[in-house]
């Protein structure tokens, strides 16, 4: 039988982990994606100005 894990306050730990996994990108992941996009655009603009 699968024993469920709960915090002292009664929160189902496995349920929270499942919901977090389904929730999409975290703040840090979004920040990383946007930072990469900004850096790529900067490189493209720099390359265009050299032409």
PDB file of N, CA and C in Angstrom:
ATOM      1  N   UNK A   1       0.835  -1.181   0.000  1.00  0.00           N
ATOM      2  CA  UNK A   1       0.000   0.000   0.000  1.00  0.00           C
ATOM      3  C   UNK A   1       0.881   1.246   0.000  1.00  0.00           C
ATOM      4  N   UNK A   2       0.504   2.254  -0.765  1.00  0.00           N
ATOM      5  CA  UNK A   2       1.259   3.503  -0.893  1.00  0.00           C
ATOM      6  C   UNK A   2       0.896   4.439   0.252  1.00  0.00           C
ATOM      7  N   UNK A   3       1.865   4.651   1.161  1.00  0.00           N
ATOM      8  CA  UNK A   3       1.602   5.533   2.299  1.00  0.00           C
ATOM      9  C   UNK A   3       1.844   6.975   1.873  1.00  0.00           C
ATOM     10  N   UNK A   4       0.874   7.847   2.114  1.00  0.00           N
ATOM     11  CA  UNK A   4       0.990   9.257   1.749  1.00  0.00           C
ATOM     12  C   UNK A   4       1.760  10.000   2.821  1.00  0.00           C
ATOM     13  N   UNK A   5       2.561  10.981   2.363  1.00  0.00           N
ATOM     14  CA  UNK A   5       3.352  11.786   3.285  1.00  0.00           C
ATOM     15  C   UNK A   5       2.665  13.134   3.490  1.00  0.00           C
ATOM     16  N   UNK A   6       2.581  13.533   4.756  1.00  0.00           N
ATOM     17  CA  UNK A   6       1.957  14.799   5.100  1.00  0.00           C
ATOM     18  C   UNK A   6       2.899  15.606   5.990  1.00  0.00           C
ATOM     19  N   UNK A   7       2.830  16.933   5.871  1.00  0.00           N
ATOM     20  CA  UNK A   7       3.569  17.803   6.779  1.00  0.00           C
ATOM     21  C   UNK A   7       2.842  17.849   8.123  1.00  0.00           C
ATOM     22  N   UNK A   8       3.454  18.491   9.089  1.00  0.00           N
ATOM     23  CA  UNK A   8       2.837  18.647  10.404  1.00  0.00           C
ATOM     24  C   UNK A   8       1.514  19.399  10.280  1.00  0.00           C
ATOM     25  N   UNK A   9       1.454  20.334   9.327  1.00  0.00           N
ATOM     26  CA  UNK A   9       0.236  21.128   9.138  1.00  0.00           C
ATOM     27  C   UNK A   9      -0.843  20.369   8.365  1.00  0.00           C
ATOM     28  N   UNK A  10      -0.507  19.168   7.850  1.00  0.00           N
ATOM     29  CA  UNK A  10      -1.498  18.362   7.150  1.00  0.00           C
ATOM     30  C   UNK A  10      -1.449  18.459   5.636  1.00  0.00           C
ATOM     31  N   UNK A  11      -0.410  19.093   5.086  1.00  0.00           N
ATOM     32  CA  UNK A  11      -0.284  19.231   3.633  1.00  0.00           C
ATOM     33  C   UNK A  11       0.216  17.924   3.028  1.00  0.00           C
ATOM     34  N   UNK A  12      -0.434  17.475   1.959  1.00  0.00           N
ATOM     35  CA  UNK A  12      -0.028  16.270   1.251  1.00  0.00           C
ATOM     36  C   UNK A  12       1.187  16.605   0.379  1.00  0.00           C
ATOM     37  N   UNK A  13       2.363  16.139   0.762  1.00  0.00           N
ATOM     38  CA  UNK A  13       3.609  16.488   0.084  1.00  0.00           C
ATOM     39  C   UNK A  13       3.619  16.019  -1.370  1.00  0.00           C
ATOM     40  N   UNK A  14       3.185  14.796  -1.617  1.00  0.00           N
ATOM     41  CA  UNK A  14       3.188  14.270  -2.984  1.00  0.00           C
ATOM     42  C   UNK A  14       2.239  15.044  -3.892  1.00  0.00           C
ATOM     43  N   UNK A  15       1.112  15.462  -3.355  1.00  0.00           N
ATOM     44  CA  UNK A  15       0.156  16.246  -4.142  1.00  0.00           C
ATOM     45  C   UNK A  15       0.745  17.602  -4.512  1.00  0.00           C
ATOM     46  N   UNK A  16       1.438  18.240  -3.583  1.00  0.00           N
ATOM     47  CA  UNK A  16       2.076  19.533  -3.856  1.00  0.00           C
ATOM     48  C   UNK A  16       3.146  19.376  -4.928  1.00  0.00           C
ATOM     49  N   UNK A  17       3.949  18.320  -4.838  1.00  0.00           N
ATOM     50  CA  UNK A  17       4.987  18.071  -5.849  1.00  0.00           C
ATOM     51  C   UNK A  17       4.363  17.858  -7.227  1.00  0.00           C
ATOM     52  N   UNK A  18       3.262  17.106  -7.267  1.00  0.00           N
ATOM     53  CA  UNK A  18       2.583  16.844  -8.543  1.00  0.00           C
ATOM     54  C   UNK A  18       2.035  18.143  -9.139  1.00  0.00           C
ATOM     55  N   UNK A  19       1.393  18.945  -8.313  1.00  0.00           N
ATOM     56  CA  UNK A  19       0.826  20.206  -8.803  1.00  0.00           C
ATOM     57  C   UNK A  19       1.920  21.174  -9.259  1.00  0.00           C
ATOM     58  N   UNK A  20       3.037  21.219  -8.545  1.00  0.00           N
ATOM     59  CA  UNK A  20       4.152  22.063  -8.959  1.00  0.00           C
ATOM     60  C   UNK A  20       4.710  21.634 -10.307  1.00  0.00           C
ATOM     61  N   UNK A  21       4.813  20.333 -10.520  1.00  0.00           N
ATOM     62  CA  UNK A  21       5.339  19.816 -11.788  1.00  0.00           C
ATOM     63  C   UNK A  21       4.423  20.174 -12.959  1.00  0.00           C
ATOM     64  N   UNK A  22       3.131  20.266 -12.694  1.00  0.00           N
ATOM     65  CA  UNK A  22       2.153  20.565 -13.740  1.00  0.00           C
ATOM     66  C   UNK A  22       1.930  22.062 -13.951  1.00  0.00           C
ATOM     67  N   UNK A  23       2.530  22.891 -13.124  1.00  0.00           N
ATOM     68  CA  UNK A  23       2.189  24.317 -13.128  1.00  0.00           C
ATOM     69  C   UNK A  23       2.912  25.143 -14.184  1.00  0.00           C
ATOM     70  N   UNK A  24       3.896  24.589 -14.849  1.00  0.00           N
ATOM     71  CA  UNK A  24       4.608  25.347 -15.879  1.00  0.00           C
ATOM     72  C   UNK A  24       5.937  25.859 -15.365  1.00  0.00           C
ATOM     73  N   UNK A  25       6.462  26.877 -16.038  1.00  0.00           N
ATOM     74  CA  UNK A  25       7.779  27.403 -15.702  1.00  0.00           C
ATOM     75  C   UNK A  25       7.771  28.158 -14.379  1.00  0.00           C
ATOM     76  N   UNK A  26       8.873  28.022 -13.656  1.00  0.00           N
ATOM     77  CA  UNK A  26       9.030  28.772 -12.417  1.00  0.00           C
ATOM     78  C   UNK A  26       9.531  30.176 -12.750  1.00  0.00           C
ATOM     79  N   UNK A  27       9.538  31.029 -11.751  1.00  0.00           N
ATOM     80  CA  UNK A  27      10.054  32.396 -11.931  1.00  0.00           C
ATOM     81  C   UNK A  27      11.486  32.356 -12.450  1.00  0.00           C
ATOM     82  N   UNK A  28      12.322  31.527 -11.853  1.00  0.00           N
ATOM     83  CA  UNK A  28      13.721  31.450 -12.268  1.00  0.00           C
ATOM     84  C   UNK A  28      13.866  30.915 -13.688  1.00  0.00           C
ATOM     85  N   UNK A  29      13.041  29.968 -14.069  1.00  0.00           N
ATOM     86  CA  UNK A  29      13.100  29.431 -15.431  1.00  0.00           C
ATOM     87  C   UNK A  29      12.678  30.489 -16.447  1.00  0.00           C
ATOM     88  N   UNK A  30      11.641  31.240 -16.137  1.00  0.00           N
ATOM     89  CA  UNK A  30      11.206  32.319 -17.027  1.00  0.00           C
ATOM     90  C   UNK A  30      12.297  33.373 -17.143  1.00  0.00           C
ATOM     91  N   UNK A  31      12.902  33.719 -16.026  1.00  0.00           N
ATOM     92  CA  UNK A  31      13.983  34.698 -16.019  1.00  0.00           C
ATOM     93  C   UNK A  31      15.138  34.232 -16.902  1.00  0.00           C
ATOM     94  N   UNK A  32      15.475  32.962 -16.835  1.00  0.00           N
ATOM     95  CA  UNK A  32      16.553  32.404 -17.651  1.00  0.00           C
ATOM     96  C   UNK A  32      16.218  32.478 -19.138  1.00  0.00           C
ATOM     97  N   UNK A  33      14.991  32.118 -19.498  1.00  0.00           N
ATOM     98  CA  UNK A  33      14.557  32.171 -20.894  1.00  0.00           C
ATOM     99  C   UNK A  33      14.612  33.613 -21.414  1.00  0.00           C
ATOM    100  N   UNK A  34      14.106  34.550 -20.633  1.00  0.00           N
ATOM    101  CA  UNK A  34      14.106  35.947 -21.062  1.00  0.00           C
ATOM    102  C   UNK A  34      15.521  36.503 -21.168  1.00  0.00           C
ATOM    103  N   UNK A  35      16.387  36.128 -20.255  1.00  0.00           N
ATOM    104  CA  UNK A  35      17.774  36.584 -20.307  1.00  0.00           C
ATOM    105  C   UNK A  35      18.459  36.089 -21.575  1.00  0.00           C
ATOM    106  N   UNK A  36      18.246  34.835 -21.923  1.00  0.00           N
ATOM    107  CA  UNK A  36      18.834  34.281 -23.153  1.00  0.00           C
ATOM    108  C   UNK A  36      18.285  35.005 -24.378  1.00  0.00           C
ATOM    109  N   UNK A  37      16.987  35.297 -24.383  1.00  0.00           N
ATOM    110  CA  UNK A  37      16.363  36.003 -25.501  1.00  0.00           C
ATOM    111  C   UNK A  37      16.949  37.404 -25.647  1.00  0.00           C
ATOM    112  N   UNK A  38      17.120  38.107 -24.550  1.00  0.00           N
ATOM    113  CA  UNK A  38      17.678  39.464 -24.581  1.00  0.00           C
ATOM    114  C   UNK A  38      19.111  39.437 -25.095  1.00  0.00           C
ATOM    115  N   UNK A  39      19.899  38.489 -24.617  1.00  0.00           N
ATOM    116  CA  UNK A  39      21.289  38.384 -25.066  1.00  0.00           C
ATOM    117  C   UNK A  39      21.364  38.075 -26.562  1.00  0.00           C
ATOM    118  N   UNK A  40      20.484  37.218 -27.038  1.00  0.00           N
ATOM    119  CA  UNK A  40      20.456  36.877 -28.459  1.00  0.00           C
ATOM    120  C   UNK A  40      20.101  38.112 -29.290  1.00  0.00           C
ATOM    121  N   UNK A  41      19.130  38.881 -28.841  1.00  0.00           N
ATOM    122  CA  UNK A  41      18.741  40.092 -29.572  1.00  0.00           C
ATOM    123  C   UNK A  41      19.864  41.119 -29.572  1.00  0.00           C
ATOM    124  N   UNK A  42      20.592  41.223 -28.459  1.00  0.00           N
ATOM    125  CA  UNK A  42      21.733  42.141 -28.402  1.00  0.00           C
ATOM    126  C   UNK A  42      22.794  41.741 -29.417  1.00  0.00           C
ATOM    127  N   UNK A  43      23.072  40.439 -29.514  1.00  0.00           N
ATOM    128  CA  UNK A  43      24.068  39.962 -30.490  1.00  0.00           C
ATOM    129  C   UNK A  43      23.612  40.242 -31.916  1.00  0.00           C
ATOM    130  N   UNK A  44      22.328  40.030 -32.185  1.00  0.00           N
ATOM    131  CA  UNK A  44      21.810  40.286 -33.532  1.00  0.00           C
ATOM    132  C   UNK A  44      21.891  41.769 -33.871  1.00  0.00           C
ATOM    133  N   UNK A  45      21.525  42.631 -32.925  1.00  0.00           N
ATOM    134  CA  UNK A  45      21.606  44.081 -33.169  1.00  0.00           C
ATOM    135  C   UNK A  45      23.039  44.521 -33.365  1.00  0.00           C
ATOM    136  N   UNK A  46      23.972  43.975 -32.605  1.00  0.00           N
ATOM    137  CA  UNK A  46      25.381  44.325 -32.754  1.00  0.00           C
ATOM    138  C   UNK A  46      25.884  43.894 -34.119  1.00  0.00           C
ATOM    139  N   UNK A  47      25.479  42.723 -34.579  1.00  0.00           N
ATOM    140  CA  UNK A  47      25.902  42.223 -35.889  1.00  0.00           C
ATOM    141  C   UNK A  47      25.327  43.084 -37.005  1.00  0.00           C
ATOM    142  N   UNK A  48      24.092  43.556 -36.854  1.00  0.00           N
ATOM    143  CA  UNK A  48      23.479  44.404 -37.872  1.00  0.00           C
ATOM    144  C   UNK A  48      24.161  45.772 -37.941  1.00  0.00           C
ATOM    145  N   UNK A  49      24.608  46.296 -36.829  1.00  0.00           N
ATOM    146  CA  UNK A  49      25.267  47.593 -36.818  1.00  0.00           C
ATOM    147  C   UNK A  49      26.663  47.540 -37.413  1.00  0.00           C
ATOM    148  N   UNK A  50      27.265  46.341 -37.469  1.00  0.00           N
ATOM    149  CA  UNK A  50      28.592  46.194 -38.056  1.00  0.00           C
ATOM    150  C   UNK A  50      28.537  46.147 -39.572  1.00  0.00           C
ATOM    151  N   UNK A  51      27.373  45.911 -40.132  1.00  0.00           N
ATOM    152  CA  UNK A  51      27.227  45.803 -41.590  1.00  0.00           C
ATOM    153  C   UNK A  51      27.414  47.118 -42.269  1.00  0.00           C
TER     154      UNK A  51
END
